Amino acid sequence: MSTRTPLMDDSVRFAGDAVEILDRRVYPFEVRWERCATSEDVAVAIERMVTQSSGPLFATTAGMVLAAREARHEPPGAAAARLRAAGDRLIATRPTNNHIRDAVAALLAATADGPLANASGSDLVPAVEAAAAEHDAGYRAHSAALGAHTAGLLPDGARVLTHCWADAYLIGTVRAAQDAGKRLEFVCTETRPYLQGARLTAATLVEMGYRPTLITDGMVAAALADGLADVALTAADRVTLDGHVINKVGTLGVALAARHAGVPFYAMVSAPDPQAPTAADVAIEHRDGDEVLHVLGARSAAEGVTGYYPAFDTTPPHLVTRIVTARGVYRPEHVKEAV
């Protein structure tokens, strides 16, 4: 198996005074970096799906650094206000995944909403840079711990069905399984309409030494009924305190099919959201239905057709076998203990 770092594991980087974000809309056919000179550029990139899954977390911390640099000449008070405004703008880009919200809150707590509330702009810059680096490192550590816990659930030789792109969680799981000497096989859904499963999950698994099998989203029930996979494994964009799993639309269908086939369904999340006691507390992002009418930039539906695109769905606790967090593995009804 390959030991090199997958490109998707390092998809946001600083380049001089700007931030470069790997454009996940065209990867792996093209390795293109979106250059963001301002925090607003970063926000637009997140909105336009240049980056998804864990990518917006790293883009957000980088965007906050750019915002601090933009405010370097502001006087005390004004610099903090500008940083907060940039944070609000970033949070508004994608409402369902709480990575962005939590990253902004952490950076502000360490700087403008904390000990540096009255600092000048020039003093905020190094503090925000340090807080961003700390938050990024913490997320990577949590993902590695989560991966180790997940790998412990997968028997040697397991055939794992994935849905969409689990990013650092999946990479951490694969690395932990490899370190334990476990042999795994993967079946990946393509994940319409952006094909993250086909382009990101499958491509990254190939980088890591696997030869995954690709299926369309509509094949999940048939694949599980045919015994093509032993485990269904997805990430979660949000998990509520009562054990609901909110993830890429189609996850509910995977869980239903897994239950019917007698296959365990595991969901991975760094931690449940303390601000979401129930599923009613999570805003489900609805994107422009026009996105469903296109595949890789080409229209796939006839003129006169309209699209409907809830980007996420909610899987109830009774369909979830276990929720894996950085603190360990929990039954859905007990996941609040991981906060």
C-alpha atoms as a PDB file:
ATOM      1  CA  MET A   1       0.000   0.000   0.000  1.00  0.00           C
ATOM      2  CA  SER A   2       1.120   3.546  -0.702  1.00  0.00           C
ATOM      3  CA  THR A   3       2.518   5.640   2.165  1.00  0.00           C
ATOM      4  CA  ARG A   4       2.529   9.013   0.410  1.00  0.00           C
ATOM      5  CA  THR A   5       0.186  11.766   1.551  1.00  0.00           C
ATOM      6  CA  PRO A   6      -2.876  11.994  -0.707  1.00  0.00           C
ATOM      7  CA  LEU A   7      -3.236  15.332  -2.424  1.00  0.00           C
ATOM      8  CA  MET A   8      -6.724  15.725  -0.958  1.00  0.00           C
ATOM      9  CA  ASP A   9      -5.185  15.722   2.520  1.00  0.00           C
ATOM     10  CA  ASP A  10      -3.395  18.999   1.805  1.00  0.00           C
ATOM     11  CA  SER A  11      -5.821  20.913  -0.387  1.00  0.00           C
ATOM     12  CA  VAL A  12      -5.611  24.423   1.128  1.00  0.00           C
ATOM     13  CA  ARG A  13      -2.292  26.240   1.184  1.00  0.00           C
ATOM     14  CA  PHE A  14      -0.805  29.696   1.542  1.00  0.00           C
ATOM     15  CA  ALA A  15       1.045  31.104  -1.446  1.00  0.00           C
ATOM     16  CA  GLY A  16       2.607  34.390  -0.480  1.00  0.00           C
ATOM     17  CA  ASP A  17      -0.157  36.812   0.470  1.00  0.00           C
ATOM     18  CA  ALA A  18      -2.922  34.624  -0.960  1.00  0.00           C
ATOM     19  CA  VAL A  19      -4.561  31.288  -0.266  1.00  0.00           C
ATOM     20  CA  GLU A  20      -4.746  28.557  -2.882  1.00  0.00           C
ATOM     21  CA  ILE A  21      -7.576  26.013  -2.706  1.00  0.00           C
ATOM     22  CA  LEU A  22      -7.543  22.827  -4.746  1.00  0.00           C
ATOM     23  CA  ASP A  23     -10.559  22.941  -7.044  1.00  0.00           C
ATOM     24  CA  ARG A  24     -12.420  19.756  -6.159  1.00  0.00           C
ATOM     25  CA  ARG A  25     -14.940  20.362  -8.936  1.00  0.00           C
ATOM     26  CA  VAL A  26     -12.410  19.283 -11.584  1.00  0.00           C
ATOM     27  CA  TYR A  27     -10.064  16.983  -9.638  1.00  0.00           C
ATOM     28  CA  PRO A  28      -8.647  14.414 -10.525  1.00  0.00           C
ATOM     29  CA  PHE A  29      -8.952  15.202 -14.229  1.00  0.00           C
ATOM     30  CA  GLU A  30      -7.260  18.518 -13.625  1.00  0.00           C
ATOM     31  CA  VAL A  31      -5.157  19.714 -10.700  1.00  0.00           C
ATOM     32  CA  ARG A  32      -6.217  23.342 -10.535  1.00  0.00           C
ATOM     33  CA  TRP A  33      -5.745  25.725  -7.623  1.00  0.00           C
ATOM     34  CA  GLU A  34      -8.189  28.564  -7.000  1.00  0.00           C
ATOM     35  CA  ARG A  35      -6.245  31.627  -5.875  1.00  0.00           C
ATOM     36  CA  CYS A  36      -7.978  33.650  -3.154  1.00  0.00           C
ATOM     37  CA  ALA A  37      -6.465  37.039  -2.389  1.00  0.00           C
ATOM     38  CA  THR A  38      -9.110  38.082   0.171  1.00  0.00           C
ATOM     39  CA  SER A  39     -11.359  36.523   2.773  1.00  0.00           C
ATOM     40  CA  GLU A  40     -14.300  37.288   0.472  1.00  0.00           C
ATOM     41  CA  ASP A  41     -12.628  35.268  -2.283  1.00  0.00           C
ATOM     42  CA  VAL A  42     -12.438  32.337   0.131  1.00  0.00           C
ATOM     43  CA  ALA A  43     -16.122  32.676   1.012  1.00  0.00           C
ATOM     44  CA  VAL A  44     -17.097  32.670  -2.663  1.00  0.00           C
ATOM     45  CA  ALA A  45     -14.928  29.595  -3.302  1.00  0.00           C
ATOM     46  CA  ILE A  46     -16.678  27.708  -0.504  1.00  0.00           C
ATOM     47  CA  GLU A  47     -20.121  28.741  -1.808  1.00  0.00           C
ATOM     48  CA  ARG A  48     -19.250  27.618  -5.320  1.00  0.00           C
ATOM     49  CA  MET A  49     -18.159  24.155  -4.156  1.00  0.00           C
ATOM     50  CA  VAL A  50     -14.496  24.648  -4.991  1.00  0.00           C
ATOM     51  CA  THR A  51     -13.923  22.773  -1.740  1.00  0.00           C
ATOM     52  CA  GLN A  52     -16.203  20.484   0.273  1.00  0.00           C
ATOM     53  CA  SER A  53     -16.229  18.188   3.325  1.00  0.00           C
ATOM     54  CA  SER A  54     -13.216  19.032   5.523  1.00  0.00           C
ATOM     55  CA  GLY A  55     -11.912  21.481   2.936  1.00  0.00           C
ATOM     56  CA  PRO A  56     -14.090  24.385   4.122  1.00  0.00           C
ATOM     57  CA  LEU A  57     -12.641  24.043   7.631  1.00  0.00           C
ATOM     58  CA  PHE A  58      -9.114  24.673   6.382  1.00  0.00           C
ATOM     59  CA  ALA A  59     -10.345  27.284   3.923  1.00  0.00           C
ATOM     60  CA  THR A  60     -12.128  29.066   6.768  1.00  0.00           C
ATOM     61  CA  THR A  61      -9.101  29.267   9.036  1.00  0.00           C
ATOM     62  CA  ALA A  62      -7.069  30.507   6.075  1.00  0.00           C
ATOM     63  CA  GLY A  63      -9.803  32.997   5.219  1.00  0.00           C
ATOM     64  CA  MET A  64      -9.744  34.341   8.760  1.00  0.00           C
ATOM     65  CA  VAL A  65      -5.980  34.827   8.486  1.00  0.00           C
ATOM     66  CA  LEU A  66      -6.536  36.808   5.289  1.00  0.00           C
ATOM     67  CA  ALA A  67      -9.201  38.865   7.076  1.00  0.00           C
ATOM     68  CA  ALA A  68      -6.792  39.660   9.903  1.00  0.00           C
ATOM     69  CA  ARG A  69      -4.154  40.699   7.407  1.00  0.00           C
ATOM     70  CA  GLU A  70      -6.711  42.899   5.652  1.00  0.00           C
ATOM     71  CA  ALA A  71      -7.369  44.609   8.996  1.00  0.00           C
ATOM     72  CA  ARG A  72      -3.714  45.017   9.950  1.00  0.00           C
ATOM     73  CA  HIS A  73      -3.865  48.799   9.711  1.00  0.00           C
ATOM     74  CA  GLU A  74      -7.166  49.131  11.580  1.00  0.00           C
ATOM     75  CA  PRO A  75      -7.214  50.665  15.074  1.00  0.00           C
ATOM     76  CA  PRO A  76      -8.317  48.702  18.173  1.00  0.00           C
ATOM     77  CA  GLY A  77     -11.992  47.816  18.046  1.00  0.00           C
ATOM     78  CA  ALA A  78     -12.289  48.307  14.294  1.00  0.00           C
ATOM     79  CA  ALA A  79      -9.884  45.441  13.590  1.00  0.00           C
ATOM     80  CA  ALA A  80     -11.847  43.070  15.816  1.00  0.00           C
ATOM     81  CA  ALA A  81     -15.130  44.146  14.187  1.00  0.00           C
ATOM     82  CA  ARG A  82     -13.726  43.492  10.729  1.00  0.00           C
ATOM     83  CA  LEU A  83     -12.563  40.032  11.770  1.00  0.00           C
ATOM     84  CA  ARG A  84     -16.004  39.209  13.201  1.00  0.00           C
ATOM     85  CA  ALA A  85     -17.672  40.366   9.998  1.00  0.00           C
ATOM     86  CA  ALA A  86     -15.413  38.119   7.951  1.00  0.00           C
ATOM     87  CA  GLY A  87     -16.311  35.240  10.239  1.00  0.00           C
ATOM     88  CA  ASP A  88     -20.038  35.882   9.792  1.00  0.00           C
ATOM     89  CA  ARG A  89     -19.574  35.906   6.021  1.00  0.00           C
ATOM     90  CA  LEU A  90     -17.755  32.580   6.067  1.00  0.00           C
ATOM     91  CA  ILE A  91     -20.345  30.959   8.341  1.00  0.00           C
ATOM     92  CA  ALA A  92     -23.116  31.978   5.942  1.00  0.00           C
ATOM     93  CA  THR A  93     -21.555  30.080   3.020  1.00  0.00           C
ATOM     94  CA  ARG A  94     -22.623  26.532   4.032  1.00  0.00           C
ATOM     95  CA  PRO A  95     -25.122  26.251   6.917  1.00  0.00           C
ATOM     96  CA  THR A  96     -25.327  22.487   7.530  1.00  0.00           C
ATOM     97  CA  ASN A  97     -21.766  21.440   8.324  1.00  0.00           C
ATOM     98  CA  ASN A  98     -20.618  23.039  11.596  1.00  0.00           C
ATOM     99  CA  HIS A  99     -16.900  22.949  10.742  1.00  0.00           C
ATOM    100  CA  ILE A 100     -17.002  26.546   9.537  1.00  0.00           C
ATOM    101  CA  ARG A 101     -19.007  27.818  12.507  1.00  0.00           C
ATOM    102  CA  ASP A 102     -16.729  26.096  15.009  1.00  0.00           C
ATOM    103  CA  ALA A 103     -13.529  27.239  13.286  1.00  0.00           C
ATOM    104  CA  VAL A 104     -14.664  30.864  13.308  1.00  0.00           C
ATOM    105  CA  ALA A 105     -15.742  30.612  16.950  1.00  0.00           C
ATOM    106  CA  ALA A 106     -12.420  29.084  17.998  1.00  0.00           C
ATOM    107  CA  LEU A 107     -10.339  31.726  16.233  1.00  0.00           C
ATOM    108  CA  LEU A 108     -12.444  34.584  17.576  1.00  0.00           C
ATOM    109  CA  ALA A 109     -12.380  33.182  21.118  1.00  0.00           C
ATOM    110  CA  ALA A 110      -8.592  33.136  20.996  1.00  0.00           C
ATOM    111  CA  THR A 111      -8.348  36.655  19.586  1.00  0.00           C
ATOM    112  CA  ALA A 112     -11.026  39.298  18.917  1.00  0.00           C
ATOM    113  CA  ASP A 113     -13.620  37.892  21.316  1.00  0.00           C
ATOM    114  CA  GLY A 114     -11.043  37.023  23.926  1.00  0.00           C
ATOM    115  CA  PRO A 115      -7.741  38.401  25.138  1.00  0.00           C
ATOM    116  CA  LEU A 116      -7.196  40.616  22.091  1.00  0.00           C
ATOM    117  CA  ALA A 117     -10.596  42.323  21.913  1.00  0.00           C
ATOM    118  CA  ASN A 118      -8.916  45.726  22.120  1.00  0.00           C
ATOM    119  CA  ALA A 119      -5.811  44.864  20.121  1.00  0.00           C
ATOM    120  CA  SER A 120      -4.674  46.775  17.082  1.00  0.00           C
ATOM    121  CA  GLY A 121      -4.886  45.162  13.678  1.00  0.00           C
ATOM    122  CA  SER A 122      -1.150  44.555  13.573  1.00  0.00           C
ATOM    123  CA  ASP A 123      -1.318  42.642  16.867  1.00  0.00           C
ATOM    124  CA  LEU A 124      -4.263  40.528  15.718  1.00  0.00           C
ATOM    125  CA  VAL A 125      -2.461  39.116  12.681  1.00  0.00           C
ATOM    126  CA  PRO A 126       0.075  36.843  14.425  1.00  0.00           C
ATOM    127  CA  ALA A 127      -2.523  35.793  16.997  1.00  0.00           C
ATOM    128  CA  VAL A 128      -5.025  34.745  14.327  1.00  0.00           C
ATOM    129  CA  GLU A 129      -2.282  32.923  12.409  1.00  0.00           C
ATOM    130  CA  ALA A 130      -1.346  30.986  15.545  1.00  0.00           C
ATOM    131  CA  ALA A 131      -4.978  30.193  16.387  1.00  0.00           C
ATOM    132  CA  ALA A 132      -5.585  28.990  12.826  1.00  0.00           C
ATOM    133  CA  ALA A 133      -2.594  26.673  12.932  1.00  0.00           C
ATOM    134  CA  GLU A 134      -3.719  25.305  16.301  1.00  0.00           C
ATOM    135  CA  HIS A 135      -7.260  24.664  15.095  1.00  0.00           C
ATOM    136  CA  ASP A 136      -6.049  22.912  11.939  1.00  0.00           C
ATOM    137  CA  ALA A 137      -3.686  20.715  13.940  1.00  0.00           C
ATOM    138  CA  GLY A 138      -6.431  19.861  16.423  1.00  0.00           C
ATOM    139  CA  TYR A 139      -8.769  18.775  13.652  1.00  0.00           C
ATOM    140  CA  ARG A 140      -6.103  16.573  12.108  1.00  0.00           C
ATOM    141  CA  ALA A 141      -5.401  14.985  15.498  1.00  0.00           C
ATOM    142  CA  HIS A 142      -9.116  14.333  16.046  1.00  0.00           C
ATOM    143  CA  SER A 143      -9.408  12.819  12.572  1.00  0.00           C
ATOM    144  CA  ALA A 144      -6.479  10.491  13.243  1.00  0.00           C
ATOM    145  CA  ALA A 145      -8.016   9.373  16.539  1.00  0.00           C
ATOM    146  CA  LEU A 146     -11.397   8.884  14.892  1.00  0.00           C
ATOM    147  CA  GLY A 147      -9.739   6.881  12.129  1.00  0.00           C
ATOM    148  CA  ALA A 148      -8.112   4.573  14.649  1.00  0.00           C
ATOM    149  CA  HIS A 149     -11.459   3.935  16.359  1.00  0.00           C
ATOM    150  CA  THR A 150     -13.147   3.298  13.012  1.00  0.00           C
ATOM    151  CA  ALA A 151     -10.438   0.915  11.829  1.00  0.00           C
ATOM    152  CA  GLY A 152     -11.017  -1.071  15.017  1.00  0.00           C
ATOM    153  CA  LEU A 153     -14.577  -1.770  13.845  1.00  0.00           C
ATOM    154  CA  LEU A 154     -13.474  -3.127  10.473  1.00  0.00           C
ATOM    155  CA  PRO A 155     -12.441  -6.790  10.379  1.00  0.00           C
ATOM    156  CA  ASP A 156      -9.501  -7.881   8.267  1.00  0.00           C
ATOM    157  CA  GLY A 157     -10.738  -8.409   4.729  1.00  0.00           C
ATOM    158  CA  ALA A 158     -13.812  -6.203   5.160  1.00  0.00           C
ATOM    159  CA  ARG A 159     -15.511  -4.862   2.042  1.00  0.00           C
ATOM    160  CA  VAL A 160     -16.504  -1.288   2.870  1.00  0.00           C
ATOM    161  CA  LEU A 161     -19.206   0.699   1.080  1.00  0.00           C
ATOM    162  CA  THR A 162     -18.701   4.470   1.192  1.00  0.00           C
ATOM    163  CA  HIS A 163     -20.970   7.352   0.239  1.00  0.00           C
ATOM    164  CA  CYS A 164     -19.701  10.742  -0.898  1.00  0.00           C
ATOM    165  CA  TRP A 165     -16.323  11.888   0.431  1.00  0.00           C
ATOM    166  CA  ALA A 166     -15.335  11.467   4.090  1.00  0.00           C
ATOM    167  CA  ASP A 167     -12.074  13.403   3.654  1.00  0.00           C
ATOM    168  CA  ALA A 168      -9.706  13.328   6.653  1.00  0.00           C
ATOM    169  CA  TYR A 169     -11.913  10.792   8.441  1.00  0.00           C
ATOM    170  CA  LEU A 170     -11.551   8.263   5.633  1.00  0.00           C
ATOM    171  CA  ILE A 171      -7.845   8.935   5.191  1.00  0.00           C
ATOM    172  CA  GLY A 172      -7.314   8.460   8.942  1.00  0.00           C
ATOM    173  CA  THR A 173      -9.289   5.216   8.882  1.00  0.00           C
ATOM    174  CA  VAL A 174      -7.319   3.819   5.947  1.00  0.00           C
ATOM    175  CA  ARG A 175      -3.999   4.757   7.512  1.00  0.00           C
ATOM    176  CA  ALA A 176      -4.955   3.130  10.823  1.00  0.00           C
ATOM    177  CA  ALA A 177      -6.149  -0.027   9.059  1.00  0.00           C
ATOM    178  CA  GLN A 178      -2.908  -0.211   7.090  1.00  0.00           C
ATOM    179  CA  ASP A 179      -0.859   0.259  10.255  1.00  0.00           C
ATOM    180  CA  ALA A 180      -2.796  -2.631  11.806  1.00  0.00           C
ATOM    181  CA  GLY A 181      -2.071  -4.819   8.792  1.00  0.00           C
ATOM    182  CA  LYS A 182      -5.732  -5.064   7.787  1.00  0.00           C
ATOM    183  CA  ARG A 183      -6.699  -5.746   4.185  1.00  0.00           C
ATOM    184  CA  LEU A 184      -9.736  -3.777   3.056  1.00  0.00           C
ATOM    185  CA  GLU A 185     -11.737  -3.472  -0.132  1.00  0.00           C
ATOM    186  CA  PHE A 186     -13.921  -0.500  -1.048  1.00  0.00           C
ATOM    187  CA  VAL A 187     -17.132   0.073  -2.955  1.00  0.00           C
ATOM    188  CA  CYS A 188     -17.807   3.771  -3.627  1.00  0.00           C
ATOM    189  CA  THR A 189     -21.020   5.483  -4.670  1.00  0.00           C
ATOM    190  CA  GLU A 190     -20.471   8.085  -7.385  1.00  0.00           C
ATOM    191  CA  THR A 191     -22.452  10.745  -5.446  1.00  0.00           C
ATOM    192  CA  ARG A 192     -24.478  12.916  -7.783  1.00  0.00           C
ATOM    193  CA  PRO A 193     -24.468  15.707  -8.786  1.00  0.00           C
ATOM    194  CA  TYR A 194     -20.792  16.566  -8.101  1.00  0.00           C
ATOM    195  CA  LEU A 195     -19.525  12.972  -8.192  1.00  0.00           C
ATOM    196  CA  GLN A 196     -17.405  13.366  -5.059  1.00  0.00           C
ATOM    197  CA  GLY A 197     -17.428   9.613  -4.503  1.00  0.00           C
ATOM    198  CA  ALA A 198     -16.186   8.893  -8.005  1.00  0.00           C
ATOM    199  CA  ARG A 199     -13.686  11.728  -8.239  1.00  0.00           C
ATOM    200  CA  LEU A 200     -12.494  12.290  -4.662  1.00  0.00           C
ATOM    201  CA  THR A 201     -13.065   9.102  -2.629  1.00  0.00           C
ATOM    202  CA  ALA A 202     -12.173   6.642  -5.365  1.00  0.00           C
ATOM    203  CA  ALA A 203      -9.199   8.696  -6.585  1.00  0.00           C
ATOM    204  CA  THR A 204      -7.792   9.065  -3.063  1.00  0.00           C
ATOM    205  CA  LEU A 205      -8.186   5.347  -2.388  1.00  0.00           C
ATOM    206  CA  VAL A 206      -6.261   4.639  -5.592  1.00  0.00           C
ATOM    207  CA  GLU A 207      -3.524   6.997  -4.356  1.00  0.00           C
ATOM    208  CA  MET A 208      -3.432   4.991  -1.121  1.00  0.00           C
ATOM    209  CA  GLY A 209      -2.970   1.700  -2.957  1.00  0.00           C
ATOM    210  CA  TYR A 210      -6.516   0.344  -3.429  1.00  0.00           C
ATOM    211  CA  ARG A 211      -8.600  -0.544  -6.462  1.00  0.00           C
ATOM    212  CA  PRO A 212     -12.111   0.496  -5.418  1.00  0.00           C
ATOM    213  CA  THR A 213     -15.295  -0.550  -7.169  1.00  0.00           C
ATOM    214  CA  LEU A 214     -17.558   2.301  -8.300  1.00  0.00           C
ATOM    215  CA  ILE A 215     -21.348   2.078  -8.312  1.00  0.00           C
ATOM    216  CA  THR A 216     -24.029   4.629  -9.082  1.00  0.00           C
ATOM    217  CA  ASP A 217     -26.049   5.988  -6.166  1.00  0.00           C
ATOM    218  CA  GLY A 218     -29.081   3.996  -7.280  1.00  0.00           C
ATOM    219  CA  MET A 219     -27.192   0.706  -7.005  1.00  0.00           C
ATOM    220  CA  VAL A 220     -26.632   0.740  -3.226  1.00  0.00           C
ATOM    221  CA  ALA A 221     -29.552  -1.515  -2.307  1.00  0.00           C
ATOM    222  CA  ALA A 222     -28.745  -3.984  -5.070  1.00  0.00           C
ATOM    223  CA  ALA A 223     -25.029  -4.009  -4.216  1.00  0.00           C
ATOM    224  CA  LEU A 224     -25.707  -4.744  -0.548  1.00  0.00           C
ATOM    225  CA  ALA A 225     -28.340  -7.339  -1.410  1.00  0.00           C
ATOM    226  CA  ASP A 226     -25.791  -9.016  -3.700  1.00  0.00           C
ATOM    227  CA  GLY A 227     -23.246  -9.132  -0.858  1.00  0.00           C
ATOM    228  CA  LEU A 228     -20.847  -6.690  -2.473  1.00  0.00           C
ATOM    229  CA  ALA A 229     -20.029  -5.045   0.881  1.00  0.00           C
ATOM    230  CA  ASP A 230     -19.938  -6.094   4.547  1.00  0.00           C
ATOM    231  CA  VAL A 231     -19.995  -2.608   6.102  1.00  0.00           C
ATOM    232  CA  ALA A 232     -21.509   0.757   5.158  1.00  0.00           C
ATOM    233  CA  LEU A 233     -19.320   3.653   6.296  1.00  0.00           C
ATOM    234  CA  THR A 234     -19.969   7.363   5.854  1.00  0.00           C
ATOM    235  CA  ALA A 235     -18.912  10.617   7.394  1.00  0.00           C
ATOM    236  CA  ALA A 236     -21.416  12.926   9.054  1.00  0.00           C
ATOM    237  CA  ASP A 237     -21.568  16.646   8.452  1.00  0.00           C
ATOM    238  CA  ARG A 238     -23.413  16.928  11.750  1.00  0.00           C
ATOM    239  CA  VAL A 239     -24.570  14.543  14.492  1.00  0.00           C
ATOM    240  CA  THR A 240     -27.191  15.696  16.960  1.00  0.00           C
ATOM    241  CA  LEU A 241     -27.113  14.964  20.667  1.00  0.00           C
ATOM    242  CA  ASP A 242     -29.954  12.474  20.232  1.00  0.00           C
ATOM    243  CA  GLY A 243     -28.067  10.541  17.549  1.00  0.00           C
ATOM    244  CA  HIS A 244     -29.423  11.783  14.227  1.00  0.00           C
ATOM    245  CA  VAL A 245     -26.850  11.709  11.431  1.00  0.00           C
ATOM    246  CA  ILE A 246     -26.931  14.562   8.924  1.00  0.00           C
ATOM    247  CA  ASN A 247     -24.797  13.898   5.859  1.00  0.00           C
ATOM    248  CA  LYS A 248     -24.697  14.159   2.079  1.00  0.00           C
ATOM    249  CA  VAL A 249     -28.089  13.465   0.561  1.00  0.00           C
ATOM    250  CA  GLY A 250     -28.372   9.753  -0.170  1.00  0.00           C
ATOM    251  CA  THR A 251     -26.974   8.704   3.199  1.00  0.00           C
ATOM    252  CA  LEU A 252     -30.462   7.887   4.450  1.00  0.00           C
ATOM    253  CA  GLY A 253     -30.900   5.550   1.491  1.00  0.00           C
ATOM    254  CA  VAL A 254     -27.604   3.835   2.301  1.00  0.00           C
ATOM    255  CA  ALA A 255     -28.692   3.327   5.915  1.00  0.00           C
ATOM    256  CA  LEU A 256     -32.079   1.944   4.883  1.00  0.00           C
ATOM    257  CA  ALA A 257     -30.489  -0.484   2.437  1.00  0.00           C
ATOM    258  CA  ALA A 258     -27.899  -1.533   5.024  1.00  0.00           C
ATOM    259  CA  ARG A 259     -30.616  -2.251   7.576  1.00  0.00           C
ATOM    260  CA  HIS A 260     -32.560  -4.358   5.050  1.00  0.00           C
ATOM    261  CA  ALA A 261     -29.416  -6.291   4.081  1.00  0.00           C
ATOM    262  CA  GLY A 262     -28.305  -6.835   7.686  1.00  0.00           C
ATOM    263  CA  VAL A 263     -25.134  -4.803   7.139  1.00  0.00           C
ATOM    264  CA  PRO A 264     -23.831  -2.487   9.902  1.00  0.00           C
ATOM    265  CA  PHE A 265     -23.983   1.232   9.190  1.00  0.00           C
ATOM    266  CA  TYR A 266     -21.276   3.351  10.824  1.00  0.00           C
ATOM    267  CA  ALA A 267     -21.108   7.161  10.752  1.00  0.00           C
ATOM    268  CA  MET A 268     -17.978   9.170  11.551  1.00  0.00           C
ATOM    269  CA  VAL A 269     -17.899  12.620  13.124  1.00  0.00           C
ATOM    270  CA  SER A 270     -15.287  14.394  15.225  1.00  0.00           C
ATOM    271  CA  ALA A 271     -17.909  15.053  17.910  1.00  0.00           C
ATOM    272  CA  PRO A 272     -21.671  15.551  18.164  1.00  0.00           C
ATOM    273  CA  ASP A 273     -22.838  19.145  17.985  1.00  0.00           C
ATOM    274  CA  PRO A 274     -23.701  20.510  21.463  1.00  0.00           C
ATOM    275  CA  GLN A 275     -25.785  23.205  19.753  1.00  0.00           C
ATOM    276  CA  ALA A 276     -28.038  20.636  18.045  1.00  0.00           C
ATOM    277  CA  PRO A 277     -30.055  18.624  20.589  1.00  0.00           C
ATOM    278  CA  THR A 278     -32.302  17.277  17.811  1.00  0.00           C
ATOM    279  CA  ALA A 279     -32.484  17.180  14.015  1.00  0.00           C
ATOM    280  CA  ALA A 280     -34.872  20.140  14.118  1.00  0.00           C
ATOM    281  CA  ASP A 281     -31.917  22.257  15.265  1.00  0.00           C
ATOM    282  CA  VAL A 282     -29.961  21.671  12.032  1.00  0.00           C
ATOM    283  CA  ALA A 283     -30.573  23.775   8.928  1.00  0.00           C
ATOM    284  CA  ILE A 284     -30.518  21.588   5.824  1.00  0.00           C
ATOM    285  CA  GLU A 285     -28.885  23.419   2.939  1.00  0.00           C
ATOM    286  CA  HIS A 286     -30.922  23.483  -0.265  1.00  0.00           C
ATOM    287  CA  ARG A 287     -28.792  24.329  -3.266  1.00  0.00           C
ATOM    288  CA  ASP A 288     -29.893  25.570  -6.661  1.00  0.00           C
ATOM    289  CA  GLY A 289     -31.811  22.769  -8.371  1.00  0.00           C
ATOM    290  CA  ASP A 290     -30.029  23.670 -11.608  1.00  0.00           C
ATOM    291  CA  GLU A 291     -26.963  21.870 -10.229  1.00  0.00           C
ATOM    292  CA  VAL A 292     -28.827  18.549 -10.473  1.00  0.00           C
ATOM    293  CA  LEU A 293     -29.375  19.138 -14.175  1.00  0.00           C
ATOM    294  CA  HIS A 294     -25.637  19.121 -14.895  1.00  0.00           C
ATOM    295  CA  VAL A 295     -22.780  16.632 -14.577  1.00  0.00           C
ATOM    296  CA  LEU A 296     -19.205  17.911 -14.686  1.00  0.00           C
ATOM    297  CA  GLY A 297     -20.345  21.122 -16.314  1.00  0.00           C
ATOM    298  CA  ALA A 298     -22.464  19.490 -19.039  1.00  0.00           C
ATOM    299  CA  ARG A 299     -26.248  19.562 -18.966  1.00  0.00           C
ATOM    300  CA  SER A 300     -27.713  16.081 -18.463  1.00  0.00           C
ATOM    301  CA  ALA A 301     -31.446  16.886 -18.550  1.00  0.00           C
ATOM    302  CA  ALA A 302     -33.711  18.157 -21.279  1.00  0.00           C
ATOM    303  CA  GLU A 303     -34.723  21.778 -21.464  1.00  0.00           C
ATOM    304  CA  GLY A 304     -37.887  22.424 -19.480  1.00  0.00           C
ATOM    305  CA  VAL A 305     -36.853  20.066 -16.645  1.00  0.00           C
ATOM    306  CA  THR A 306     -36.452  21.526 -13.158  1.00  0.00           C
ATOM    307  CA  GLY A 307     -34.181  20.200 -10.431  1.00  0.00           C
ATOM    308  CA  TYR A 308     -34.539  19.752  -6.683  1.00  0.00           C
ATOM    309  CA  TYR A 309     -31.409  19.625  -4.531  1.00  0.00           C
ATOM    310  CA  PRO A 310     -31.428  19.222  -0.755  1.00  0.00           C
ATOM    311  CA  ALA A 311     -27.684  18.819  -0.274  1.00  0.00           C
ATOM    312  CA  PHE A 312     -28.067  16.770   2.921  1.00  0.00           C
ATOM    313  CA  ASP A 313     -30.481  14.333   4.507  1.00  0.00           C
ATOM    314  CA  THR A 314     -31.124  13.083   8.030  1.00  0.00           C
ATOM    315  CA  THR A 315     -30.702   9.462   9.132  1.00  0.00           C
ATOM    316  CA  PRO A 316     -32.589   8.599  12.344  1.00  0.00           C
ATOM    317  CA  PRO A 317     -30.771   6.877  15.216  1.00  0.00           C
ATOM    318  CA  HIS A 318     -32.536   3.515  14.816  1.00  0.00           C
ATOM    319  CA  LEU A 319     -30.837   3.042  11.427  1.00  0.00           C
ATOM    320  CA  VAL A 320     -27.344   3.804  12.772  1.00  0.00           C
ATOM    321  CA  THR A 321     -25.320   0.917  14.200  1.00  0.00           C
ATOM    322  CA  ARG A 322     -22.556   3.022  15.740  1.00  0.00           C
ATOM    323  CA  ILE A 323     -21.312   6.600  15.642  1.00  0.00           C
ATOM    324  CA  VAL A 324     -17.534   6.922  15.718  1.00  0.00           C
ATOM    325  CA  THR A 325     -16.020  10.058  17.255  1.00  0.00           C
ATOM    326  CA  ALA A 326     -12.541  11.207  18.216  1.00  0.00           C
ATOM    327  CA  ARG A 327     -13.332  10.039  21.765  1.00  0.00           C
ATOM    328  CA  GLY A 328     -14.493   6.565  20.801  1.00  0.00           C
ATOM    329  CA  VAL A 329     -17.395   4.503  19.471  1.00  0.00           C
ATOM    330  CA  TYR A 330     -20.955   5.096  20.683  1.00  0.00           C
ATOM    331  CA  ARG A 331     -24.454   3.811  20.209  1.00  0.00           C
ATOM    332  CA  PRO A 332     -26.532   6.680  18.795  1.00  0.00           C
ATOM    333  CA  GLU A 333     -28.501   7.048  22.034  1.00  0.00           C
ATOM    334  CA  HIS A 334     -25.254   7.542  23.957  1.00  0.00           C
ATOM    335  CA  VAL A 335     -23.351   9.793  21.547  1.00  0.00           C
ATOM    336  CA  LYS A 336     -23.971  12.902  23.649  1.00  0.00           C
ATOM    337  CA  GLU A 337     -21.365  11.465  26.027  1.00  0.00           C
ATOM    338  CA  ALA A 338     -18.739  12.331  23.381  1.00  0.00           C
ATOM    339  CA  VAL A 339     -19.252  16.098  23.712  1.00  0.00           C
END
